[in-house]
Structures are given as C-alpha cells and as structure tokens.
C-alpha cells in the first residue's frame, strides 16, 4: 500500500504539486493523468525520492520513506520511463541485471531471473541476452526497460509515459503484457500517461491532476459517470463517455444464455470492440467463447447499449 498525505512540492514561488492526498491499494494499477505541467511526473518522482517533497508524507506499507536512504528506497522500487533508458554499452542481460547486481544477488539467481523475465516478455534468452540496445527494435527496448524495472522483484513499479514512443500496434501489445505481468507478480503499479484510452484500459483507479492539484481520484466507471469538475469532463471527452464505459469491461461480464450466428467473440474482448463488431456485421448478437473455444453463450446489441447508457 502507498499512502500519500498532504504532499506538496514548490520551486521558489511556484507550486508544482499542491497538497495531494491519496491511497494506492496493494496489487492495483493506478494511472495518473492530466495535461502537461499538471504535476503528474513530479508526483511520481517524489514516490521514489528522485524529487524531494517540500512538505507532506509518503508511506509504503506503513513505512515513512523519508526515513530511508534514497538509494536504498530506489533499489526497492521499479522505475520505467518513456524511451526505455537502457544503458547503451551494456547487453540486454546486463541491463536487466543492474539492480539485482547492486543488491548482491548471486550469479545463478540473477541469470535465472533475467531468463525468466525475457521469456515472460517473449524475448528468447538465447537470442536476446547478449544483444545491445542498438540492436533492438523500439518495442523490444521498451520491454527490456520494463523487465529491468521488475528485475529485483519490487512490490512497487513506477512508470512515466512508458509506452509513449511506441507505435499503436506495439503499444497495445505492451499494455497487454504489462497487465499480464502485473497479475502474475501482484505488483502495485503507478503509471503516468496523457493518453486517456491507455488510462481506461489499464487502471483500477485513475488520479486526475490539474495545475498541481488532485481534482478526482476514482474508478474508471465512477470517473465517467460522475466527473467531479468540468476539467475532468473535458479530459474524458463529453462525446466519448459511452465508449469509455464499454472499454472498461469485457464481453465476459455481459454474456447471456443462448446461441447466435456468425463469428464468435472471445470473452476477453472489450465491450467497446464487441459493439463495434456487432454494428459492423449488422448482427443483433454474437456467440461468446472462452480461451479454449468452448461456448459460453451470447452477447447482444441490446445488452451493450444498456451498459453504455448514462446514469
């Protein structure tokens, strides 16, 4: 758990983060959004003390982080940034091993951890371990950057626009990878982005910042249904609210008994994508199957329309 209490950061007379308080639940994904200059990156960097707060308190699992040496704290918290930040003169394996090596892990343990993470991110250890960053594609570099952040098995992972430099297809795959890894390790993630589609896809809770202040901290559904300010409403997009709701949940949550004609949809398909498919194919319903292809029932246009309706 991360507890942020009355956190403020000033530079001379300029307040960058203003009296922010929030609690991040364990094993959850919190996404911080806002316009440029809203203070979201500064907030993130205060959690691992790359930036020292002017006032306020941050506790991780009840421990005040100001009582720890900064370098020790940062070795316990994973940190991934836009553009990956890999060391160009070190191989992929050496990059991933950076923090475990600093922590004094023995060589067999480090080797096993590097291989495990490369396999999780679908990078064959035999092929990629000895490559240098300049020999990787943009998507591969970003995956190695996240693997490095996870290498020392941190309970907390901070991510600052981690997928911002990726093209849309690779970015979508990286987001899926991240959610799978998060569920596997139970990591608590705080991620900064300016992309609202990314926020709604990844977040358990979304923190909206404006001019250094936290203006709303809520689940994606509550954010759409009850935006706290005009700024939040504009960030969501007034004409996007129905589609935002449908992007939060999967088809598996609206399956009904029965059968339907045509190509089936996976239960993991987003409700937004399901609506698009039904409209495009001119169907009132589509069959829904699980990962093994077994029938679960059907999803209907009517049910999706009800889910997208406003309060």
C-alpha atoms as a PDB file:
ATOM      1  CA  UNK A   1       0.000   0.000   0.000  1.00  0.00           C
ATOM      2  CA  UNK A   2       1.148   3.530  -0.806  1.00  0.00           C
ATOM      3  CA  UNK A   3      -0.213   6.358   1.352  1.00  0.00           C
ATOM      4  CA  UNK A   4       0.333   9.908   0.129  1.00  0.00           C
ATOM      5  CA  UNK A   5      -0.602  12.565   2.653  1.00  0.00           C
ATOM      6  CA  UNK A   6      -0.697  16.341   2.063  1.00  0.00           C
ATOM      7  CA  UNK A   7       2.156  16.143  -0.440  1.00  0.00           C
ATOM      8  CA  UNK A   8       3.434  19.466  -1.788  1.00  0.00           C
ATOM      9  CA  UNK A   9       6.358  20.460  -3.998  1.00  0.00           C
ATOM     10  CA  UNK A  10       7.390  24.074  -4.565  1.00  0.00           C
ATOM     11  CA  UNK A  11      10.184  25.550  -6.636  1.00  0.00           C
ATOM     12  CA  UNK A  12      10.736  29.068  -5.249  1.00  0.00           C
ATOM     13  CA  UNK A  13       7.283  30.664  -5.553  1.00  0.00           C
ATOM     14  CA  UNK A  14       5.899  28.072  -7.988  1.00  0.00           C
ATOM     15  CA  UNK A  15       3.790  25.220  -6.574  1.00  0.00           C
ATOM     16  CA  UNK A  16       4.092  22.163  -8.827  1.00  0.00           C
ATOM     17  CA  UNK A  17       2.205  19.688  -6.635  1.00  0.00           C
ATOM     18  CA  UNK A  18      -0.321  21.092  -4.173  1.00  0.00           C
ATOM     19  CA  UNK A  19      -1.446  19.225  -1.056  1.00  0.00           C
ATOM     20  CA  UNK A  20      -2.123  15.858  -2.710  1.00  0.00           C
ATOM     21  CA  UNK A  21      -3.508  13.015  -0.599  1.00  0.00           C
ATOM     22  CA  UNK A  22      -4.409   9.561  -1.909  1.00  0.00           C
ATOM     23  CA  UNK A  23      -4.111   5.879  -1.029  1.00  0.00           C
ATOM     24  CA  UNK A  24      -2.972   3.330  -3.604  1.00  0.00           C
ATOM     25  CA  UNK A  25      -4.209  -0.144  -2.769  1.00  0.00           C
ATOM     26  CA  UNK A  26      -1.824  -3.119  -2.921  1.00  0.00           C
ATOM     27  CA  UNK A  27      -1.617  -5.112  -6.171  1.00  0.00           C
ATOM     28  CA  UNK A  28      -3.549  -2.465  -8.102  1.00  0.00           C
ATOM     29  CA  UNK A  29      -2.856  -0.268 -11.133  1.00  0.00           C
ATOM     30  CA  UNK A  30      -3.291   3.457 -10.559  1.00  0.00           C
ATOM     31  CA  UNK A  31      -2.982   5.739 -13.575  1.00  0.00           C
ATOM     32  CA  UNK A  32      -2.200   9.444 -13.139  1.00  0.00           C
ATOM     33  CA  UNK A  33      -3.490  11.680 -15.939  1.00  0.00           C
ATOM     34  CA  UNK A  34      -3.534  15.387 -16.669  1.00  0.00           C
ATOM     35  CA  UNK A  35      -2.299  17.984 -19.095  1.00  0.00           C
ATOM     36  CA  UNK A  36       1.366  18.954 -19.443  1.00  0.00           C
ATOM     37  CA  UNK A  37       2.533  20.825 -16.357  1.00  0.00           C
ATOM     38  CA  UNK A  38      -0.180  19.377 -14.119  1.00  0.00           C
ATOM     39  CA  UNK A  39       2.390  17.875 -11.731  1.00  0.00           C
ATOM     40  CA  UNK A  40       1.870  14.197 -12.509  1.00  0.00           C
ATOM     41  CA  UNK A  41       5.539  13.359 -13.228  1.00  0.00           C
ATOM     42  CA  UNK A  42       6.720  15.315 -10.189  1.00  0.00           C
ATOM     43  CA  UNK A  43       4.245  13.390  -8.041  1.00  0.00           C
ATOM     44  CA  UNK A  44       5.584  10.108  -9.385  1.00  0.00           C
ATOM     45  CA  UNK A  45       9.217  11.104  -8.839  1.00  0.00           C
ATOM     46  CA  UNK A  46       8.538  12.043  -5.220  1.00  0.00           C
ATOM     47  CA  UNK A  47       7.465   8.457  -4.525  1.00  0.00           C
ATOM     48  CA  UNK A  48      11.000   7.178  -5.199  1.00  0.00           C
ATOM     49  CA  UNK A  49      12.582  10.435  -3.986  1.00  0.00           C
ATOM     50  CA  UNK A  50      14.154  11.434  -7.253  1.00  0.00           C
ATOM     51  CA  UNK A  51      12.405  14.656  -6.245  1.00  0.00           C
ATOM     52  CA  UNK A  52      12.219  15.573  -2.559  1.00  0.00           C
ATOM     53  CA  UNK A  53       8.865  16.978  -1.395  1.00  0.00           C
ATOM     54  CA  UNK A  54       8.618  20.406   0.173  1.00  0.00           C
ATOM     55  CA  UNK A  55       6.133  19.032   2.696  1.00  0.00           C
ATOM     56  CA  UNK A  56       3.902  16.033   3.265  1.00  0.00           C
ATOM     57  CA  UNK A  57       4.419  12.328   3.850  1.00  0.00           C
ATOM     58  CA  UNK A  58       4.637   9.192   1.730  1.00  0.00           C
ATOM     59  CA  UNK A  59       4.362   5.784   3.375  1.00  0.00           C
ATOM     60  CA  UNK A  60       4.871   2.430   1.692  1.00  0.00           C
ATOM     61  CA  UNK A  61       3.418  -0.451   3.692  1.00  0.00           C
ATOM     62  CA  UNK A  62       3.264   1.905   6.679  1.00  0.00           C
ATOM     63  CA  UNK A  63       6.926   2.970   6.483  1.00  0.00           C
ATOM     64  CA  UNK A  64       7.711   6.662   6.045  1.00  0.00           C
ATOM     65  CA  UNK A  65      10.039   6.713   3.036  1.00  0.00           C
ATOM     66  CA  UNK A  66      11.823   9.851   4.298  1.00  0.00           C
ATOM     67  CA  UNK A  67      13.460   7.670   6.951  1.00  0.00           C
ATOM     68  CA  UNK A  68      15.239   5.574   4.301  1.00  0.00           C
ATOM     69  CA  UNK A  69      18.363   6.470   2.333  1.00  0.00           C
ATOM     70  CA  UNK A  70      17.271   7.483  -1.154  1.00  0.00           C
ATOM     71  CA  UNK A  71      19.445   4.935  -2.954  1.00  0.00           C
ATOM     72  CA  UNK A  72      18.099   2.118  -0.786  1.00  0.00           C
ATOM     73  CA  UNK A  73      14.496   3.147  -1.469  1.00  0.00           C
ATOM     74  CA  UNK A  74      15.084   3.305  -5.232  1.00  0.00           C
ATOM     75  CA  UNK A  75      16.508  -0.203  -5.280  1.00  0.00           C
ATOM     76  CA  UNK A  76      13.221  -1.416  -3.801  1.00  0.00           C
ATOM     77  CA  UNK A  77      11.021   0.398  -6.331  1.00  0.00           C
ATOM     78  CA  UNK A  78      10.963  -0.384 -10.043  1.00  0.00           C
ATOM     79  CA  UNK A  79      11.086   2.620 -12.371  1.00  0.00           C
ATOM     80  CA  UNK A  80      10.389   2.608 -16.103  1.00  0.00           C
ATOM     81  CA  UNK A  81      10.372   5.690 -18.322  1.00  0.00           C
ATOM     82  CA  UNK A  82       9.454   6.695 -21.856  1.00  0.00           C
ATOM     83  CA  UNK A  83      12.209   5.776 -24.275  1.00  0.00           C
ATOM     84  CA  UNK A  84      13.313   2.842 -22.058  1.00  0.00           C
ATOM     85  CA  UNK A  85      16.510   4.483 -20.647  1.00  0.00           C
ATOM     86  CA  UNK A  86      18.708   1.440 -21.281  1.00  0.00           C
ATOM     87  CA  UNK A  87      22.480   1.668 -20.819  1.00  0.00           C
ATOM     88  CA  UNK A  88      23.810   1.584 -24.408  1.00  0.00           C
ATOM     89  CA  UNK A  89      27.140  -0.020 -23.509  1.00  0.00           C
ATOM     90  CA  UNK A  90      25.545  -2.938 -21.629  1.00  0.00           C
ATOM     91  CA  UNK A  91      23.890  -6.033 -23.069  1.00  0.00           C
ATOM     92  CA  UNK A  92      20.223  -6.821 -22.574  1.00  0.00           C
ATOM     93  CA  UNK A  93      21.074  -9.314 -19.811  1.00  0.00           C
ATOM     94  CA  UNK A  94      23.396  -6.822 -18.100  1.00  0.00           C
ATOM     95  CA  UNK A  95      20.761  -4.089 -18.273  1.00  0.00           C
ATOM     96  CA  UNK A  96      18.108  -6.296 -16.676  1.00  0.00           C
ATOM     97  CA  UNK A  97      20.583  -7.473 -14.024  1.00  0.00           C
ATOM     98  CA  UNK A  98      21.505  -3.925 -12.914  1.00  0.00           C
ATOM     99  CA  UNK A  99      19.586  -3.715  -9.632  1.00  0.00           C
ATOM    100  CA  UNK A 100      19.896  -7.397  -8.599  1.00  0.00           C
ATOM    101  CA  UNK A 101      23.658  -6.975  -9.075  1.00  0.00           C
ATOM    102  CA  UNK A 102      23.680  -3.863  -6.862  1.00  0.00           C
ATOM    103  CA  UNK A 103      21.700  -5.787  -4.237  1.00  0.00           C
ATOM    104  CA  UNK A 104      24.322  -8.527  -4.201  1.00  0.00           C
ATOM    105  CA  UNK A 105      22.290 -11.378  -5.662  1.00  0.00           C
ATOM    106  CA  UNK A 106      24.413 -14.394  -6.549  1.00  0.00           C
ATOM    107  CA  UNK A 107      25.105 -15.059 -10.224  1.00  0.00           C
ATOM    108  CA  UNK A 108      22.855 -18.157 -10.677  1.00  0.00           C
ATOM    109  CA  UNK A 109      19.890 -16.269  -9.185  1.00  0.00           C
ATOM    110  CA  UNK A 110      20.487 -13.267 -11.453  1.00  0.00           C
ATOM    111  CA  UNK A 111      20.849 -15.467 -14.540  1.00  0.00           C
ATOM    112  CA  UNK A 112      17.619 -17.304 -13.731  1.00  0.00           C
ATOM    113  CA  UNK A 113      15.723 -14.046 -13.132  1.00  0.00           C
ATOM    114  CA  UNK A 114      16.948 -12.493 -16.393  1.00  0.00           C
ATOM    115  CA  UNK A 115      15.909 -15.599 -18.350  1.00  0.00           C
ATOM    116  CA  UNK A 116      12.506 -15.663 -16.632  1.00  0.00           C
ATOM    117  CA  UNK A 117      11.757 -12.041 -17.495  1.00  0.00           C
ATOM    118  CA  UNK A 118      12.944 -12.344 -21.087  1.00  0.00           C
ATOM    119  CA  UNK A 119      10.676 -15.338 -21.580  1.00  0.00           C
ATOM    120  CA  UNK A 120       7.737 -13.505 -19.973  1.00  0.00           C
ATOM    121  CA  UNK A 121       8.201 -10.654 -22.426  1.00  0.00           C
ATOM    122  CA  UNK A 122       8.534 -13.117 -25.309  1.00  0.00           C
ATOM    123  CA  UNK A 123      12.210 -12.396 -25.928  1.00  0.00           C
ATOM    124  CA  UNK A 124      14.141 -15.639 -26.352  1.00  0.00           C
ATOM    125  CA  UNK A 125      17.050 -15.532 -23.841  1.00  0.00           C
ATOM    126  CA  UNK A 126      19.369 -17.379 -26.229  1.00  0.00           C
ATOM    127  CA  UNK A 127      18.712 -14.761 -28.907  1.00  0.00           C
ATOM    128  CA  UNK A 128      18.459 -11.529 -26.920  1.00  0.00           C
ATOM    129  CA  UNK A 129      20.619 -11.848 -23.778  1.00  0.00           C
ATOM    130  CA  UNK A 130      23.847 -10.769 -25.478  1.00  0.00           C
ATOM    131  CA  UNK A 131      22.380  -8.126 -27.763  1.00  0.00           C
ATOM    132  CA  UNK A 132      22.990  -4.430 -27.182  1.00  0.00           C
ATOM    133  CA  UNK A 133      20.182  -1.831 -27.145  1.00  0.00           C
ATOM    134  CA  UNK A 134      21.052  -0.509 -30.615  1.00  0.00           C
ATOM    135  CA  UNK A 135      20.323  -3.989 -31.985  1.00  0.00           C
ATOM    136  CA  UNK A 136      16.712  -3.954 -30.710  1.00  0.00           C
ATOM    137  CA  UNK A 137      13.508  -2.531 -32.142  1.00  0.00           C
ATOM    138  CA  UNK A 138      11.645   0.189 -30.252  1.00  0.00           C
ATOM    139  CA  UNK A 139       9.141  -2.274 -28.823  1.00  0.00           C
ATOM    140  CA  UNK A 140      11.894  -4.675 -27.748  1.00  0.00           C
ATOM    141  CA  UNK A 141      13.786  -1.872 -25.998  1.00  0.00           C
ATOM    142  CA  UNK A 142      10.660  -0.867 -24.106  1.00  0.00           C
ATOM    143  CA  UNK A 143      10.020  -4.454 -22.983  1.00  0.00           C
ATOM    144  CA  UNK A 144      13.613  -4.745 -21.773  1.00  0.00           C
ATOM    145  CA  UNK A 145      13.185  -1.453 -19.912  1.00  0.00           C
ATOM    146  CA  UNK A 146      10.131  -2.774 -18.067  1.00  0.00           C
ATOM    147  CA  UNK A 147      11.893  -6.103 -17.432  1.00  0.00           C
ATOM    148  CA  UNK A 148      14.807  -4.205 -15.859  1.00  0.00           C
ATOM    149  CA  UNK A 149      12.381  -2.304 -13.622  1.00  0.00           C
ATOM    150  CA  UNK A 150      10.885  -5.623 -12.452  1.00  0.00           C
ATOM    151  CA  UNK A 151      14.171  -7.489 -12.086  1.00  0.00           C
ATOM    152  CA  UNK A 152      14.624  -7.165  -8.324  1.00  0.00           C
ATOM    153  CA  UNK A 153      11.043  -8.299  -7.663  1.00  0.00           C
ATOM    154  CA  UNK A 154       9.832  -4.891  -6.417  1.00  0.00           C
ATOM    155  CA  UNK A 155       6.444  -4.599  -4.765  1.00  0.00           C
ATOM    156  CA  UNK A 156       6.044  -1.170  -6.381  1.00  0.00           C
ATOM    157  CA  UNK A 157       6.571  -0.219 -10.038  1.00  0.00           C
ATOM    158  CA  UNK A 158       6.511   3.419 -11.159  1.00  0.00           C
ATOM    159  CA  UNK A 159       6.071   4.112 -14.877  1.00  0.00           C
ATOM    160  CA  UNK A 160       6.333   7.515 -16.549  1.00  0.00           C
ATOM    161  CA  UNK A 161       4.801   7.501 -20.054  1.00  0.00           C
ATOM    162  CA  UNK A 162       6.372   4.069 -20.611  1.00  0.00           C
ATOM    163  CA  UNK A 163       4.703   3.415 -23.963  1.00  0.00           C
ATOM    164  CA  UNK A 164       4.545   6.960 -25.306  1.00  0.00           C
ATOM    165  CA  UNK A 165       7.184   6.441 -28.012  1.00  0.00           C
ATOM    166  CA  UNK A 166       5.710   3.198 -29.381  1.00  0.00           C
ATOM    167  CA  UNK A 167       3.549   2.855 -32.467  1.00  0.00           C
ATOM    168  CA  UNK A 168      -0.107   1.925 -31.820  1.00  0.00           C
ATOM    169  CA  UNK A 169       0.160  -1.821 -32.529  1.00  0.00           C
ATOM    170  CA  UNK A 170       3.262  -2.340 -30.392  1.00  0.00           C
ATOM    171  CA  UNK A 171       1.803  -0.079 -27.710  1.00  0.00           C
ATOM    172  CA  UNK A 172      -1.349  -2.184 -27.424  1.00  0.00           C
ATOM    173  CA  UNK A 173       0.739  -5.357 -27.103  1.00  0.00           C
ATOM    174  CA  UNK A 174       2.945  -3.707 -24.439  1.00  0.00           C
ATOM    175  CA  UNK A 175      -0.155  -2.765 -22.417  1.00  0.00           C
ATOM    176  CA  UNK A 176      -1.456  -6.341 -22.576  1.00  0.00           C
ATOM    177  CA  UNK A 177       1.968  -7.641 -21.496  1.00  0.00           C
ATOM    178  CA  UNK A 178       2.025  -5.224 -18.567  1.00  0.00           C
ATOM    179  CA  UNK A 179      -1.383  -6.325 -17.243  1.00  0.00           C
ATOM    180  CA  UNK A 180      -0.405  -9.994 -17.503  1.00  0.00           C
ATOM    181  CA  UNK A 181       2.878  -9.379 -15.676  1.00  0.00           C
ATOM    182  CA  UNK A 182       1.113  -7.303 -13.010  1.00  0.00           C
ATOM    183  CA  UNK A 183      -1.358 -10.098 -12.315  1.00  0.00           C
ATOM    184  CA  UNK A 184       1.426 -12.681 -12.234  1.00  0.00           C
ATOM    185  CA  UNK A 185       3.604 -10.827  -9.715  1.00  0.00           C
ATOM    186  CA  UNK A 186       0.922  -8.858  -7.850  1.00  0.00           C
ATOM    187  CA  UNK A 187       2.914  -5.659  -8.322  1.00  0.00           C
ATOM    188  CA  UNK A 188       1.460  -2.309  -7.246  1.00  0.00           C
ATOM    189  CA  UNK A 189       1.793  -0.014 -10.272  1.00  0.00           C
ATOM    190  CA  UNK A 190       1.505   3.756 -10.580  1.00  0.00           C
ATOM    191  CA  UNK A 191       1.641   4.865 -14.201  1.00  0.00           C
ATOM    192  CA  UNK A 192       1.661   8.380 -15.645  1.00  0.00           C
ATOM    193  CA  UNK A 193       0.131   8.958 -19.076  1.00  0.00           C
ATOM    194  CA  UNK A 194      -1.582  11.672 -21.097  1.00  0.00           C
ATOM    195  CA  UNK A 195      -3.446   9.035 -23.134  1.00  0.00           C
ATOM    196  CA  UNK A 196      -6.971   8.569 -21.768  1.00  0.00           C
ATOM    197  CA  UNK A 197      -7.559   5.387 -23.783  1.00  0.00           C
ATOM    198  CA  UNK A 198      -4.481   3.907 -22.120  1.00  0.00           C
ATOM    199  CA  UNK A 199      -5.691   5.054 -18.709  1.00  0.00           C
ATOM    200  CA  UNK A 200      -9.093   3.424 -19.090  1.00  0.00           C
ATOM    201  CA  UNK A 201      -7.539   0.224 -20.444  1.00  0.00           C
ATOM    202  CA  UNK A 202      -5.026  -0.212 -17.610  1.00  0.00           C
ATOM    203  CA  UNK A 203      -6.391   1.435 -14.481  1.00  0.00           C
ATOM    204  CA  UNK A 204      -8.124   0.119 -11.403  1.00  0.00           C
ATOM    205  CA  UNK A 205      -8.271   3.765 -10.299  1.00  0.00           C
ATOM    206  CA  UNK A 206      -7.485   6.998 -12.131  1.00  0.00           C
ATOM    207  CA  UNK A 207      -5.997  10.100 -10.478  1.00  0.00           C
ATOM    208  CA  UNK A 208      -6.725  13.314 -12.405  1.00  0.00           C
ATOM    209  CA  UNK A 209      -4.369  16.228 -11.786  1.00  0.00           C
ATOM    210  CA  UNK A 210      -4.863  19.836 -12.804  1.00  0.00           C
ATOM    211  CA  UNK A 211      -2.460  22.689 -12.001  1.00  0.00           C
ATOM    212  CA  UNK A 212      -0.736  20.586  -9.326  1.00  0.00           C
ATOM    213  CA  UNK A 213      -3.926  19.575  -7.536  1.00  0.00           C
ATOM    214  CA  UNK A 214      -5.609  16.188  -7.403  1.00  0.00           C
ATOM    215  CA  UNK A 215      -9.114  17.022  -8.644  1.00  0.00           C
ATOM    216  CA  UNK A 216     -10.543  13.479  -8.724  1.00  0.00           C
ATOM    217  CA  UNK A 217      -9.403  10.002  -7.716  1.00  0.00           C
ATOM    218  CA  UNK A 218     -11.869   7.292  -8.674  1.00  0.00           C
ATOM    219  CA  UNK A 219     -12.513   4.083 -10.552  1.00  0.00           C
ATOM    220  CA  UNK A 220     -12.796   4.484 -14.323  1.00  0.00           C
ATOM    221  CA  UNK A 221     -16.547   3.839 -14.133  1.00  0.00           C
ATOM    222  CA  UNK A 222     -17.119   6.473 -11.431  1.00  0.00           C
ATOM    223  CA  UNK A 223     -14.957   8.941 -13.333  1.00  0.00           C
ATOM    224  CA  UNK A 224     -17.176   8.604 -16.399  1.00  0.00           C
ATOM    225  CA  UNK A 225     -20.492   8.585 -14.556  1.00  0.00           C
ATOM    226  CA  UNK A 226     -19.689  11.332 -12.041  1.00  0.00           C
ATOM    227  CA  UNK A 227     -16.889  13.634 -13.247  1.00  0.00           C
ATOM    228  CA  UNK A 228     -16.023  15.996 -10.399  1.00  0.00           C
ATOM    229  CA  UNK A 229     -15.190  19.079 -12.484  1.00  0.00           C
ATOM    230  CA  UNK A 230     -15.546  20.484 -15.972  1.00  0.00           C
ATOM    231  CA  UNK A 231     -11.846  19.750 -16.467  1.00  0.00           C
ATOM    232  CA  UNK A 232     -12.380  16.047 -15.735  1.00  0.00           C
ATOM    233  CA  UNK A 233     -15.379  16.021 -18.063  1.00  0.00           C
ATOM    234  CA  UNK A 234     -13.343  17.588 -20.864  1.00  0.00           C
ATOM    235  CA  UNK A 235     -10.455  15.163 -20.296  1.00  0.00           C
ATOM    236  CA  UNK A 236     -12.784  12.185 -20.625  1.00  0.00           C
ATOM    237  CA  UNK A 237     -14.468  13.690 -23.689  1.00  0.00           C
ATOM    238  CA  UNK A 238     -18.137  14.565 -23.486  1.00  0.00           C
ATOM    239  CA  UNK A 239     -18.960  12.572 -26.601  1.00  0.00           C
ATOM    240  CA  UNK A 240     -16.765   9.641 -25.557  1.00  0.00           C
ATOM    241  CA  UNK A 241     -18.411   8.753 -22.266  1.00  0.00           C
ATOM    242  CA  UNK A 242     -20.488   5.829 -23.554  1.00  0.00           C
ATOM    243  CA  UNK A 243     -17.466   4.312 -25.291  1.00  0.00           C
ATOM    244  CA  UNK A 244     -15.285   4.871 -22.209  1.00  0.00           C
ATOM    245  CA  UNK A 245     -17.731   2.798 -20.159  1.00  0.00           C
ATOM    246  CA  UNK A 246     -17.659  -0.005 -22.708  1.00  0.00           C
ATOM    247  CA  UNK A 247     -13.853  -0.011 -22.835  1.00  0.00           C
ATOM    248  CA  UNK A 248     -13.598  -0.763 -19.106  1.00  0.00           C
ATOM    249  CA  UNK A 249     -15.154  -4.249 -19.048  1.00  0.00           C
ATOM    250  CA  UNK A 250     -15.006  -7.351 -21.210  1.00  0.00           C
ATOM    251  CA  UNK A 251     -17.704  -9.276 -23.026  1.00  0.00           C
ATOM    252  CA  UNK A 252     -17.445 -11.951 -20.339  1.00  0.00           C
ATOM    253  CA  UNK A 253     -19.361  -9.661 -17.966  1.00  0.00           C
ATOM    254  CA  UNK A 254     -22.435  -9.408 -20.224  1.00  0.00           C
ATOM    255  CA  UNK A 255     -22.761 -12.960 -21.527  1.00  0.00           C
ATOM    256  CA  UNK A 256     -26.339 -14.228 -21.756  1.00  0.00           C
ATOM    257  CA  UNK A 257     -27.566 -17.798 -22.214  1.00  0.00           C
ATOM    258  CA  UNK A 258     -28.328 -18.849 -25.761  1.00  0.00           C
ATOM    259  CA  UNK A 259     -26.741 -19.044 -29.168  1.00  0.00           C
ATOM    260  CA  UNK A 260     -26.102 -16.647 -32.041  1.00  0.00           C
ATOM    261  CA  UNK A 261     -24.948 -16.802 -35.618  1.00  0.00           C
ATOM    262  CA  UNK A 262     -21.659 -15.686 -37.112  1.00  0.00           C
ATOM    263  CA  UNK A 263     -18.055 -15.433 -35.949  1.00  0.00           C
ATOM    264  CA  UNK A 264     -17.649 -15.796 -32.171  1.00  0.00           C
ATOM    265  CA  UNK A 265     -16.113 -13.230 -29.838  1.00  0.00           C
ATOM    266  CA  UNK A 266     -13.652 -14.092 -27.088  1.00  0.00           C
ATOM    267  CA  UNK A 267     -14.856 -13.488 -23.539  1.00  0.00           C
ATOM    268  CA  UNK A 268     -11.802 -11.224 -23.098  1.00  0.00           C
ATOM    269  CA  UNK A 269     -12.908  -8.880 -25.920  1.00  0.00           C
ATOM    270  CA  UNK A 270     -13.724  -5.402 -24.639  1.00  0.00           C
ATOM    271  CA  UNK A 271     -17.384  -4.451 -24.725  1.00  0.00           C
ATOM    272  CA  UNK A 272     -16.442  -1.498 -26.921  1.00  0.00           C
ATOM    273  CA  UNK A 273     -14.856  -3.792 -29.519  1.00  0.00           C
ATOM    274  CA  UNK A 274     -17.854  -6.118 -29.297  1.00  0.00           C
ATOM    275  CA  UNK A 275     -20.242  -3.256 -30.020  1.00  0.00           C
ATOM    276  CA  UNK A 276     -18.126  -2.223 -32.987  1.00  0.00           C
ATOM    277  CA  UNK A 277     -18.156  -5.764 -34.363  1.00  0.00           C
ATOM    278  CA  UNK A 278     -21.926  -6.171 -33.991  1.00  0.00           C
ATOM    279  CA  UNK A 279     -22.607  -2.844 -35.683  1.00  0.00           C
ATOM    280  CA  UNK A 280     -20.155  -3.571 -38.491  1.00  0.00           C
ATOM    281  CA  UNK A 281     -21.536  -7.059 -39.168  1.00  0.00           C
ATOM    282  CA  UNK A 282     -25.152  -5.955 -38.814  1.00  0.00           C
ATOM    283  CA  UNK A 283     -25.888  -8.547 -36.125  1.00  0.00           C
ATOM    284  CA  UNK A 284     -28.086  -8.251 -33.058  1.00  0.00           C
ATOM    285  CA  UNK A 285     -25.999 -10.832 -31.197  1.00  0.00           C
ATOM    286  CA  UNK A 286     -22.746 -12.808 -31.398  1.00  0.00           C
ATOM    287  CA  UNK A 287     -21.618 -16.070 -29.779  1.00  0.00           C
ATOM    288  CA  UNK A 288     -19.056 -15.801 -26.981  1.00  0.00           C
ATOM    289  CA  UNK A 289     -16.338 -18.408 -26.354  1.00  0.00           C
ATOM    290  CA  UNK A 290     -13.629 -18.930 -23.732  1.00  0.00           C
ATOM    291  CA  UNK A 291      -9.897 -19.348 -24.384  1.00  0.00           C
ATOM    292  CA  UNK A 292     -10.432 -22.989 -25.347  1.00  0.00           C
ATOM    293  CA  UNK A 293     -13.148 -22.134 -27.856  1.00  0.00           C
ATOM    294  CA  UNK A 294     -15.922 -23.549 -25.694  1.00  0.00           C
ATOM    295  CA  UNK A 295     -19.249 -21.768 -25.951  1.00  0.00           C
ATOM    296  CA  UNK A 296     -20.227 -19.500 -23.037  1.00  0.00           C
ATOM    297  CA  UNK A 297     -23.419 -18.011 -24.510  1.00  0.00           C
ATOM    298  CA  UNK A 298     -24.008 -14.835 -26.472  1.00  0.00           C
ATOM    299  CA  UNK A 299     -23.643 -11.065 -26.228  1.00  0.00           C
ATOM    300  CA  UNK A 300     -26.399  -8.839 -27.582  1.00  0.00           C
ATOM    301  CA  UNK A 301     -26.514  -5.359 -29.025  1.00  0.00           C
ATOM    302  CA  UNK A 302     -29.280  -4.532 -26.560  1.00  0.00           C
ATOM    303  CA  UNK A 303     -27.176  -5.544 -23.550  1.00  0.00           C
ATOM    304  CA  UNK A 304     -24.211  -3.479 -24.719  1.00  0.00           C
ATOM    305  CA  UNK A 305     -26.456  -0.476 -25.336  1.00  0.00           C
ATOM    306  CA  UNK A 306     -27.758  -0.727 -21.770  1.00  0.00           C
ATOM    307  CA  UNK A 307     -24.185  -0.859 -20.426  1.00  0.00           C
ATOM    308  CA  UNK A 308     -23.304   2.311 -22.341  1.00  0.00           C
ATOM    309  CA  UNK A 309     -26.306   4.280 -21.103  1.00  0.00           C
ATOM    310  CA  UNK A 310     -25.747   7.261 -18.833  1.00  0.00           C
ATOM    311  CA  UNK A 311     -26.993   7.441 -15.241  1.00  0.00           C
END
